Amino acid sequence: MYQTTYHRASSIDDAAALFAKGKEAKYLAGGHTLIPVMKQRLAAPSDVIDLGKIKELNGIEVSADAVTIKAATPHHDVAISTDVKKATPALAYLASTIGDPAVRHRGTIGGSLANNDPAADYPAAVLALGATIKTNKRSIAADDFFQGLFSTALEDGEIITAVSFPIPAKAGYAKFPHPASRFALTGVFVAQTKAGDVRVAATGASQDGVMRVGAIESALKGNWSASALDGITIPPSGLISDIHGAADYRAHLIKVMAQRAVTAAG
């Protein structure tokens, strides 16, 4: 058994200082990624720094223009928030589809984004809504944040503090979940901004992680309806092909999930 030192950080500054002192420190959010990989001996951090009890990392704020979810806020809190449901119902719905109740009560938006699993749900909402990821050092636009499988623009030791989602005119999310993990075999988030622009993001499908879907964006900008996508064909190149689904199957799912998401958005 390898040795690791557990720390419960009292503040963001305290967490950053503890990280700087550790030889190979890791932050702990909900623990759904770090704890399993530690059990499998795929990670052996010298220090584990728990961010869960830092008050300034918990909570939801809704203004006239944005929904801001602080990084350690559990998925469950987003899913049941009446303020989120009123401002951006698709965001609350997305949170309600993550994992099972145990996962939703422990998992956090900050942990999900920092890990950037290619089948995670939140990256699709962040990219489609053009959200801003706020850290203890800076603000990062969604288009600059995701940089491939399990890779982000975060620097070593940087802490996500909140995510700010612009409130759209319309938005919807639909996914085909893996029956066991509830991760997205393919999920699509569609959004129409108040300025009339359309952004569409797919998760669980691309070999590079979450991605924009330009063909669907163009079709919906001219005609916001599920039928506008009837003639769209998504090429399978660059998509994941595994035991759960071939690339051409995922390509078909992108279109179908986009149509369902548009219908849900209204």
Protein backbone atom coordinates (compact mmCIF):
# COMPACT_ATOMS: atom_id res chain seq x y z
CA MET A 1 0.00 0.00 0.00
CA TYR A 2 1.46 3.36 -1.00
CA GLN A 3 1.28 6.35 1.32
CA THR A 4 -0.66 9.53 0.61
CA THR A 5 -1.48 12.49 2.83
CA TYR A 6 -5.07 13.72 2.92
CA HIS A 7 -5.76 17.44 3.38
CA ARG A 8 -9.12 19.18 3.79
CA ALA A 9 -8.57 22.66 2.39
CA SER A 10 -10.31 25.53 4.17
CA SER A 11 -10.09 28.01 1.31
CA ILE A 12 -9.02 28.29 -2.32
CA ASP A 13 -5.74 29.92 -1.28
CA ASP A 14 -5.16 27.16 1.27
CA ALA A 15 -5.75 24.50 -1.40
CA ALA A 16 -3.32 26.16 -3.82
CA ALA A 17 -0.66 26.44 -1.10
CA LEU A 18 -1.05 22.77 -0.16
CA PHE A 19 -0.76 21.79 -3.81
CA ALA A 20 2.44 23.80 -4.20
CA LYS A 21 3.99 22.03 -1.21
CA GLY A 22 3.20 18.52 -2.44
CA LYS A 23 5.57 16.59 -4.69
CA GLU A 24 2.77 15.03 -6.74
CA ALA A 25 -0.41 16.50 -5.32
CA LYS A 26 -3.92 16.01 -6.67
CA TYR A 27 -7.14 17.90 -6.02
CA LEU A 28 -10.19 15.91 -4.90
CA ALA A 29 -13.63 17.16 -5.92
CA GLY A 30 -16.39 14.53 -5.91
CA GLY A 31 -13.86 11.70 -6.09
CA HIS A 32 -15.52 9.70 -8.87
CA THR A 33 -12.37 9.78 -10.99
CA LEU A 34 -9.45 10.14 -8.60
CA ILE A 35 -10.47 7.49 -6.06
CA PRO A 36 -11.02 4.70 -8.65
CA VAL A 37 -7.72 5.37 -10.41
CA MET A 38 -5.93 5.37 -7.04
CA LYS A 39 -7.52 2.01 -6.23
CA GLN A 40 -6.29 0.66 -9.54
CA ARG A 41 -2.77 2.00 -8.85
CA LEU A 42 -3.00 4.23 -11.92
CA ALA A 43 -2.34 7.27 -9.72
CA ALA A 44 -0.30 7.56 -6.54
CA PRO A 45 -0.45 11.19 -5.41
CA SER A 46 1.77 12.30 -2.56
CA ASP A 47 -1.05 14.55 -1.31
CA VAL A 48 -4.80 14.54 -1.86
CA ILE A 49 -6.36 17.97 -1.34
CA ASP A 50 -10.11 17.88 -0.73
CA LEU A 51 -11.94 20.92 -2.16
CA GLY A 52 -15.43 19.80 -1.12
CA LYS A 53 -15.76 21.83 2.07
CA ILE A 54 -14.59 25.17 0.70
CA LYS A 55 -17.65 27.39 1.08
CA GLU A 56 -16.80 29.73 -1.78
CA LEU A 57 -16.80 26.78 -4.18
CA ASN A 58 -20.39 25.79 -3.42
CA GLY A 59 -23.61 27.33 -4.68
CA ILE A 60 -25.60 28.53 -7.68
CA GLU A 61 -26.18 32.14 -8.72
CA VAL A 62 -28.65 33.20 -11.40
CA SER A 63 -28.78 36.70 -12.87
CA ALA A 64 -30.69 38.14 -15.81
CA ASP A 65 -27.93 37.06 -18.20
CA ALA A 66 -26.17 34.03 -16.74
CA VAL A 67 -26.35 30.93 -14.60
CA THR A 68 -23.19 30.59 -12.52
CA ILE A 69 -22.50 27.22 -10.93
CA LYS A 70 -19.66 27.11 -8.45
CA ALA A 71 -17.18 24.31 -8.96
CA ALA A 72 -17.92 22.06 -5.97
CA THR A 73 -21.69 22.19 -6.45
CA PRO A 74 -23.06 18.62 -6.77
CA HIS A 75 -24.99 17.63 -9.88
CA HIS A 76 -28.06 16.96 -7.71
CA ASP A 77 -28.21 20.60 -6.60
CA VAL A 78 -28.20 21.77 -10.23
CA ALA A 79 -30.83 19.21 -11.21
CA ILE A 80 -33.33 20.32 -8.54
CA SER A 81 -32.62 24.06 -8.62
CA THR A 82 -35.82 25.97 -9.41
CA ASP A 83 -33.71 28.96 -10.49
CA VAL A 84 -31.76 26.87 -13.01
CA LYS A 85 -34.95 25.21 -14.25
CA LYS A 86 -36.47 28.63 -14.88
CA ALA A 87 -33.41 30.19 -16.53
CA THR A 88 -32.03 27.24 -18.54
CA PRO A 89 -34.16 24.11 -18.16
CA ALA A 90 -31.83 22.08 -20.39
CA LEU A 91 -28.98 22.57 -17.93
CA ALA A 92 -31.02 21.22 -15.02
CA TYR A 93 -32.20 18.32 -17.17
CA LEU A 94 -28.62 17.47 -18.18
CA ALA A 95 -27.56 17.35 -14.53
CA SER A 96 -30.48 15.02 -13.75
CA THR A 97 -29.23 12.47 -16.30
CA ILE A 98 -25.70 12.14 -14.90
CA GLY A 99 -25.01 8.72 -13.40
CA ASP A 100 -27.31 7.58 -10.61
CA PRO A 101 -28.45 9.32 -7.39
CA ALA A 102 -25.23 8.42 -5.57
CA VAL A 103 -23.13 9.93 -8.34
CA ARG A 104 -25.30 13.05 -8.56
CA HIS A 105 -25.02 13.70 -4.83
CA ARG A 106 -21.21 13.50 -4.86
CA GLY A 107 -20.06 14.44 -8.36
CA THR A 108 -19.29 18.09 -9.10
CA ILE A 109 -19.21 20.25 -12.20
CA GLY A 110 -15.65 21.37 -11.50
CA GLY A 111 -14.39 17.83 -11.19
CA SER A 112 -16.18 16.78 -14.36
CA LEU A 113 -14.70 19.60 -16.42
CA ALA A 114 -11.18 19.28 -15.01
CA ASN A 115 -11.20 15.56 -15.88
CA ASN A 116 -12.79 16.13 -19.32
CA ASP A 117 -13.92 12.56 -19.86
CA PRO A 118 -14.89 12.16 -23.55
CA ALA A 119 -18.32 10.80 -22.55
CA ALA A 120 -19.13 13.27 -19.77
CA ASP A 121 -22.31 15.34 -20.07
CA TYR A 122 -21.29 18.79 -18.81
CA PRO A 123 -18.70 19.51 -21.53
CA ALA A 124 -21.49 19.46 -24.13
CA ALA A 125 -23.43 22.14 -22.24
CA VAL A 126 -20.31 24.23 -21.61
CA LEU A 127 -19.32 24.20 -25.29
CA ALA A 128 -22.82 24.65 -26.73
CA LEU A 129 -23.74 27.50 -24.39
CA GLY A 130 -20.36 29.22 -24.83
CA ALA A 131 -19.75 29.16 -21.08
CA THR A 132 -16.79 30.71 -19.28
CA ILE A 133 -14.71 28.57 -16.93
CA LYS A 134 -13.44 30.65 -14.04
CA THR A 135 -10.37 29.59 -12.07
CA ASN A 136 -8.31 30.97 -9.21
CA LYS A 137 -6.07 32.59 -11.84
CA ARG A 138 -8.18 33.61 -14.86
CA SER A 139 -11.28 33.09 -17.01
CA ILE A 140 -11.20 30.63 -19.92
CA ALA A 141 -13.68 30.59 -22.81
CA ALA A 142 -15.28 27.23 -23.55
CA ASP A 143 -13.83 27.16 -27.07
CA ASP A 144 -10.33 27.39 -25.57
CA PHE A 145 -10.81 25.10 -22.59
CA PHE A 146 -11.20 21.61 -24.10
CA GLN A 147 -8.02 20.34 -25.73
CA GLY A 148 -8.59 16.65 -26.42
CA LEU A 149 -9.21 13.49 -24.44
CA PHE A 150 -8.79 14.16 -20.71
CA SER A 151 -6.94 17.35 -21.61
CA THR A 152 -7.82 20.96 -20.83
CA ALA A 153 -6.27 24.40 -20.76
CA LEU A 154 -5.81 24.18 -16.98
CA GLU A 155 -2.28 24.75 -15.76
CA ASP A 156 -0.68 22.60 -13.07
CA GLY A 157 -2.28 23.47 -9.75
CA GLU A 158 -4.98 25.69 -11.26
CA ILE A 159 -8.40 25.35 -9.59
CA ILE A 160 -11.76 25.73 -11.32
CA THR A 161 -13.86 27.99 -9.10
CA ALA A 162 -17.07 28.45 -11.12
CA VAL A 163 -18.67 28.08 -14.54
CA SER A 164 -20.78 30.89 -15.99
CA PHE A 165 -23.39 29.89 -18.58
CA PRO A 166 -25.00 32.63 -20.68
CA ILE A 167 -28.79 32.19 -20.63
CA PRO A 168 -29.91 31.17 -24.13
CA ALA A 169 -33.12 31.89 -25.99
CA LYS A 170 -33.59 28.14 -26.41
CA ALA A 171 -31.63 25.06 -25.43
CA GLY A 172 -32.08 21.32 -25.25
CA TYR A 173 -30.10 18.20 -24.41
CA ALA A 174 -30.59 14.57 -25.38
CA LYS A 175 -28.33 11.58 -24.94
CA PHE A 176 -28.22 7.88 -25.58
CA PRO A 177 -26.81 6.63 -22.26
CA HIS A 178 -24.66 3.60 -21.64
CA PRO A 179 -27.02 1.32 -19.70
CA ALA A 180 -24.56 0.63 -16.89
CA SER A 181 -22.51 3.78 -16.36
CA ARG A 182 -25.09 6.28 -17.69
CA PHE A 183 -22.24 8.06 -19.47
CA ALA A 184 -23.24 9.38 -22.88
CA LEU A 185 -22.70 6.86 -25.65
CA THR A 186 -23.60 9.98 -27.59
CA GLY A 187 -25.16 13.17 -26.25
CA VAL A 188 -25.99 16.41 -28.04
CA PHE A 189 -26.67 19.85 -26.56
CA VAL A 190 -28.26 22.45 -28.85
CA ALA A 191 -28.53 26.15 -28.04
CA GLN A 192 -29.86 29.26 -29.73
CA THR A 193 -28.41 32.42 -28.25
CA LYS A 194 -30.45 35.55 -27.63
CA ALA A 195 -28.57 37.09 -30.57
CA GLY A 196 -29.82 34.32 -32.86
CA ASP A 197 -26.61 32.31 -33.20
CA VAL A 198 -26.75 28.52 -32.94
CA ARG A 199 -24.19 26.33 -31.17
CA VAL A 200 -24.32 22.54 -31.07
CA ALA A 201 -21.95 20.26 -29.17
CA ALA A 202 -21.72 16.47 -29.08
CA THR A 203 -20.16 14.36 -26.34
CA GLY A 204 -19.34 10.65 -26.24
CA ALA A 205 -18.81 10.47 -29.99
CA SER A 206 -15.49 12.00 -31.04
CA GLN A 207 -12.03 10.53 -30.57
CA ASP A 208 -10.94 14.02 -29.50
CA GLY A 209 -13.66 14.48 -26.88
CA VAL A 210 -16.47 17.02 -26.92
CA MET A 211 -16.90 18.71 -30.29
CA ARG A 212 -18.92 21.35 -32.14
CA VAL A 213 -21.15 20.02 -34.94
CA GLY A 214 -21.02 22.64 -37.69
CA ALA A 215 -23.38 20.95 -40.15
CA ILE A 216 -26.18 20.84 -37.58
CA GLU A 217 -25.47 24.41 -36.47
CA SER A 218 -25.83 25.67 -40.05
CA ALA A 219 -29.07 23.77 -40.63
CA LEU A 220 -30.66 24.98 -37.39
CA LYS A 221 -29.64 28.58 -37.94
CA GLY A 222 -31.77 28.64 -41.06
CA ASN A 223 -34.63 26.62 -39.59
CA TRP A 224 -34.87 25.80 -35.89
CA SER A 225 -36.74 22.51 -36.14
CA ALA A 226 -36.02 18.81 -35.91
CA SER A 227 -37.10 18.36 -39.52
CA ALA A 228 -34.33 20.73 -40.65
CA LEU A 229 -31.89 17.93 -39.85
CA ASP A 230 -33.61 15.22 -41.90
CA GLY A 231 -31.16 15.58 -44.78
CA ILE A 232 -28.03 15.96 -42.64
CA THR A 233 -25.39 13.23 -42.77
CA ILE A 234 -22.65 13.20 -40.15
CA PRO A 235 -19.39 11.62 -41.41
CA PRO A 236 -18.05 8.82 -39.17
CA SER A 237 -14.41 9.82 -39.62
CA GLY A 238 -12.81 10.77 -36.32
CA LEU A 239 -15.60 9.24 -34.25
CA ILE A 240 -15.17 6.55 -31.60
CA SER A 241 -15.64 2.93 -32.62
CA ASP A 242 -15.66 0.41 -29.76
CA ILE A 243 -17.58 -2.53 -28.32
CA HIS A 244 -20.47 -0.20 -27.44
CA GLY A 245 -20.97 1.26 -30.89
CA ALA A 246 -19.26 1.68 -34.24
CA ALA A 247 -18.31 5.09 -35.61
CA ASP A 248 -21.12 5.12 -38.17
CA TYR A 249 -23.61 4.25 -35.41
CA ARG A 250 -22.40 7.19 -33.32
CA ALA A 251 -22.61 9.42 -36.40
CA HIS A 252 -26.27 8.45 -36.73
CA LEU A 253 -26.82 9.04 -33.01
CA ILE A 254 -25.46 12.59 -33.27
CA LYS A 255 -28.21 13.44 -35.75
CA VAL A 256 -30.97 11.64 -33.84
CA MET A 257 -29.98 13.10 -30.46
CA ALA A 258 -29.76 16.59 -32.02
CA GLN A 259 -33.30 16.22 -33.35
CA ARG A 260 -34.53 15.14 -29.93
CA ALA A 261 -32.70 18.01 -28.28
CA VAL A 262 -34.26 20.53 -30.66
CA THR A 263 -37.70 19.09 -29.95
CA ALA A 264 -37.06 19.34 -26.21
CA ALA A 265 -35.91 22.94 -26.60
CA GLY A 266 -39.17 23.93 -28.31
